[in-house]
């Protein structure tokens, strides 16, 4: 296990590793939105099709995060990536932080691999 900037690198199977990033987002442009986000990407084997695996991402406090289409933003890079998020309908940022304190994000793959990320 290691890190790649904000991604935690994990062994997925014999041919590839994955990077997982869990966090909070706050959008300032247009409709102001807040929420939890998880990005999952392949690290070693670019030919491995991430879309062929089933992934469940769940917050212990807010429930399941839904898979979304990745926005077409050049700096996100070209590695195969999945994006999950859960919008939080609370306007005050400090209340959101209090809500997600000690939250655990569980990322579970159909091959039995399960990872948990705790927000302390």
C-alpha atoms as a PDB file:
ATOM      1  CA  UNK A   1       0.000   0.000   0.000  1.00  0.00           C
ATOM      2  CA  UNK A   2       1.227   3.506  -0.764  1.00  0.00           C
ATOM      3  CA  UNK A   3       0.020   6.914  -1.880  1.00  0.00           C
ATOM      4  CA  UNK A   4      -0.037   8.715  -5.214  1.00  0.00           C
ATOM      5  CA  UNK A   5      -0.730  12.322  -4.285  1.00  0.00           C
ATOM      6  CA  UNK A   6      -4.257  12.050  -2.930  1.00  0.00           C
ATOM      7  CA  UNK A   7      -4.875   8.428  -3.992  1.00  0.00           C
ATOM      8  CA  UNK A   8      -4.205   5.447  -1.738  1.00  0.00           C
ATOM      9  CA  UNK A   9      -2.611   2.709  -3.865  1.00  0.00           C
ATOM     10  CA  UNK A  10      -3.866  -0.833  -3.204  1.00  0.00           C
ATOM     11  CA  UNK A  11      -3.296  -4.269  -4.726  1.00  0.00           C
ATOM     12  CA  UNK A  12      -6.413  -5.260  -6.687  1.00  0.00           C
ATOM     13  CA  UNK A  13      -5.349  -8.512  -8.341  1.00  0.00           C
ATOM     14  CA  UNK A  14      -2.277 -10.132  -9.922  1.00  0.00           C
ATOM     15  CA  UNK A  15      -2.271  -7.817 -12.946  1.00  0.00           C
ATOM     16  CA  UNK A  16      -3.201  -4.410 -11.598  1.00  0.00           C
ATOM     17  CA  UNK A  17      -3.283  -2.005  -8.677  1.00  0.00           C
ATOM     18  CA  UNK A  18      -5.962   0.554  -7.954  1.00  0.00           C
ATOM     19  CA  UNK A  19      -5.917   4.011  -6.463  1.00  0.00           C
ATOM     20  CA  UNK A  20      -8.797   5.115  -4.242  1.00  0.00           C
ATOM     21  CA  UNK A  21      -9.452   8.677  -3.094  1.00  0.00           C
ATOM     22  CA  UNK A  22     -12.256   9.548  -0.683  1.00  0.00           C
ATOM     23  CA  UNK A  23     -13.097  13.080   0.352  1.00  0.00           C
ATOM     24  CA  UNK A  24     -15.428  16.023   0.755  1.00  0.00           C
ATOM     25  CA  UNK A  25     -16.240  18.395  -2.081  1.00  0.00           C
ATOM     26  CA  UNK A  26     -17.622  21.912  -2.134  1.00  0.00           C
ATOM     27  CA  UNK A  27     -18.641  23.437  -5.454  1.00  0.00           C
ATOM     28  CA  UNK A  28     -18.657  27.232  -5.558  1.00  0.00           C
ATOM     29  CA  UNK A  29     -19.774  27.758  -9.169  1.00  0.00           C
ATOM     30  CA  UNK A  30     -23.429  27.582 -10.270  1.00  0.00           C
ATOM     31  CA  UNK A  31     -25.585  25.611  -7.868  1.00  0.00           C
ATOM     32  CA  UNK A  32     -23.540  25.446  -4.709  1.00  0.00           C
ATOM     33  CA  UNK A  33     -23.155  21.789  -3.765  1.00  0.00           C
ATOM     34  CA  UNK A  34     -21.456  19.868  -0.984  1.00  0.00           C
ATOM     35  CA  UNK A  35     -20.940  16.174  -0.622  1.00  0.00           C
ATOM     36  CA  UNK A  36     -18.771  13.112  -0.323  1.00  0.00           C
ATOM     37  CA  UNK A  37     -16.828  11.793  -3.268  1.00  0.00           C
ATOM     38  CA  UNK A  38     -14.811   8.694  -4.078  1.00  0.00           C
ATOM     39  CA  UNK A  39     -12.626   8.223  -7.150  1.00  0.00           C
ATOM     40  CA  UNK A  40     -11.253   4.821  -8.109  1.00  0.00           C
ATOM     41  CA  UNK A  41      -8.674   4.381 -10.847  1.00  0.00           C
ATOM     42  CA  UNK A  42      -6.467   1.700 -12.325  1.00  0.00           C
ATOM     43  CA  UNK A  43      -2.751   2.213 -11.850  1.00  0.00           C
ATOM     44  CA  UNK A  44      -0.704  -0.550 -13.505  1.00  0.00           C
ATOM     45  CA  UNK A  45      -2.683  -2.034 -16.349  1.00  0.00           C
ATOM     46  CA  UNK A  46      -4.397   0.553 -18.550  1.00  0.00           C
ATOM     47  CA  UNK A  47      -5.983  -2.264 -20.584  1.00  0.00           C
ATOM     48  CA  UNK A  48      -7.899  -3.529 -17.536  1.00  0.00           C
ATOM     49  CA  UNK A  49     -11.517  -2.381 -17.996  1.00  0.00           C
ATOM     50  CA  UNK A  50     -12.684  -0.933 -14.714  1.00  0.00           C
ATOM     51  CA  UNK A  51     -16.257  -0.788 -16.040  1.00  0.00           C
ATOM     52  CA  UNK A  52     -16.429  -4.606 -16.018  1.00  0.00           C
ATOM     53  CA  UNK A  53     -16.315  -4.821 -12.232  1.00  0.00           C
ATOM     54  CA  UNK A  54     -19.074  -4.047  -9.770  1.00  0.00           C
ATOM     55  CA  UNK A  55     -18.241  -1.584  -7.014  1.00  0.00           C
ATOM     56  CA  UNK A  56     -20.311  -0.512  -4.018  1.00  0.00           C
ATOM     57  CA  UNK A  57     -19.324   2.647  -2.137  1.00  0.00           C
ATOM     58  CA  UNK A  58     -21.103   3.442   1.129  1.00  0.00           C
ATOM     59  CA  UNK A  59     -20.832   6.029   3.891  1.00  0.00           C
ATOM     60  CA  UNK A  60     -21.604   4.780   7.397  1.00  0.00           C
ATOM     61  CA  UNK A  61     -23.474   8.037   8.067  1.00  0.00           C
ATOM     62  CA  UNK A  62     -25.006   8.978   4.694  1.00  0.00           C
ATOM     63  CA  UNK A  63     -25.578   5.680   2.903  1.00  0.00           C
ATOM     64  CA  UNK A  64     -24.677   4.637  -0.610  1.00  0.00           C
ATOM     65  CA  UNK A  65     -22.718   6.902  -2.934  1.00  0.00           C
ATOM     66  CA  UNK A  66     -23.998   6.809  -6.525  1.00  0.00           C
ATOM     67  CA  UNK A  67     -21.787   6.274  -9.530  1.00  0.00           C
ATOM     68  CA  UNK A  68     -21.573   9.330 -11.810  1.00  0.00           C
ATOM     69  CA  UNK A  69     -20.126  10.097 -15.203  1.00  0.00           C
ATOM     70  CA  UNK A  70     -16.674  11.574 -14.979  1.00  0.00           C
ATOM     71  CA  UNK A  71     -16.645  15.232 -16.082  1.00  0.00           C
ATOM     72  CA  UNK A  72     -14.580  16.023 -19.161  1.00  0.00           C
ATOM     73  CA  UNK A  73     -11.809  17.932 -17.395  1.00  0.00           C
ATOM     74  CA  UNK A  74      -8.296  17.682 -18.893  1.00  0.00           C
ATOM     75  CA  UNK A  75      -6.380  17.636 -15.585  1.00  0.00           C
ATOM     76  CA  UNK A  76      -8.212  14.506 -14.313  1.00  0.00           C
ATOM     77  CA  UNK A  77      -5.793  12.432 -16.450  1.00  0.00           C
ATOM     78  CA  UNK A  78      -6.447   9.587 -18.834  1.00  0.00           C
ATOM     79  CA  UNK A  79      -6.265   6.624 -16.453  1.00  0.00           C
ATOM     80  CA  UNK A  80      -9.494   4.583 -16.300  1.00  0.00           C
ATOM     81  CA  UNK A  81     -11.480   6.142 -13.440  1.00  0.00           C
ATOM     82  CA  UNK A  82     -14.823   5.643 -11.681  1.00  0.00           C
ATOM     83  CA  UNK A  83     -16.505   8.468  -9.767  1.00  0.00           C
ATOM     84  CA  UNK A  84     -19.026   8.088  -6.927  1.00  0.00           C
ATOM     85  CA  UNK A  85     -20.675  10.851  -4.934  1.00  0.00           C
ATOM     86  CA  UNK A  86     -23.353  11.667  -2.396  1.00  0.00           C
ATOM     87  CA  UNK A  87     -24.685  15.212  -2.238  1.00  0.00           C
ATOM     88  CA  UNK A  88     -25.282  16.682   1.222  1.00  0.00           C
ATOM     89  CA  UNK A  89     -28.225  19.103   1.441  1.00  0.00           C
ATOM     90  CA  UNK A  90     -26.892  21.074   4.426  1.00  0.00           C
ATOM     91  CA  UNK A  91     -25.918  24.669   3.652  1.00  0.00           C
ATOM     92  CA  UNK A  92     -23.554  25.435   6.529  1.00  0.00           C
ATOM     93  CA  UNK A  93     -20.124  23.996   5.936  1.00  0.00           C
ATOM     94  CA  UNK A  94     -19.292  23.545   9.640  1.00  0.00           C
ATOM     95  CA  UNK A  95     -22.489  21.462  10.097  1.00  0.00           C
ATOM     96  CA  UNK A  96     -21.426  19.254   7.179  1.00  0.00           C
ATOM     97  CA  UNK A  97     -18.002  18.705   8.744  1.00  0.00           C
ATOM     98  CA  UNK A  98     -19.640  17.800  12.046  1.00  0.00           C
ATOM     99  CA  UNK A  99     -21.947  15.356  10.227  1.00  0.00           C
ATOM    100  CA  UNK A 100     -19.117  13.503   8.480  1.00  0.00           C
ATOM    101  CA  UNK A 101     -16.789  13.446  11.505  1.00  0.00           C
ATOM    102  CA  UNK A 102     -15.837   9.805  12.257  1.00  0.00           C
ATOM    103  CA  UNK A 103     -17.603   8.662   9.080  1.00  0.00           C
ATOM    104  CA  UNK A 104     -16.337   5.506   7.382  1.00  0.00           C
ATOM    105  CA  UNK A 105     -16.407   5.100   3.594  1.00  0.00           C
ATOM    106  CA  UNK A 106     -16.482   1.442   2.542  1.00  0.00           C
ATOM    107  CA  UNK A 107     -15.438   0.517  -1.001  1.00  0.00           C
ATOM    108  CA  UNK A 108     -16.339  -3.072  -1.883  1.00  0.00           C
ATOM    109  CA  UNK A 109     -15.509  -4.847  -5.142  1.00  0.00           C
ATOM    110  CA  UNK A 110     -17.220  -7.904  -6.646  1.00  0.00           C
ATOM    111  CA  UNK A 111     -13.953  -9.882  -6.304  1.00  0.00           C
ATOM    112  CA  UNK A 112     -14.350  -9.740  -2.510  1.00  0.00           C
ATOM    113  CA  UNK A 113     -11.849  -6.942  -1.898  1.00  0.00           C
ATOM    114  CA  UNK A 114     -13.135  -4.441   0.688  1.00  0.00           C
ATOM    115  CA  UNK A 115     -11.458  -1.249   1.867  1.00  0.00           C
ATOM    116  CA  UNK A 116     -12.539   1.213   4.559  1.00  0.00           C
ATOM    117  CA  UNK A 117     -11.522   4.851   4.858  1.00  0.00           C
ATOM    118  CA  UNK A 118     -12.188   6.622   8.181  1.00  0.00           C
ATOM    119  CA  UNK A 119     -12.579  10.398   8.497  1.00  0.00           C
ATOM    120  CA  UNK A 120     -11.176  11.393  11.905  1.00  0.00           C
END
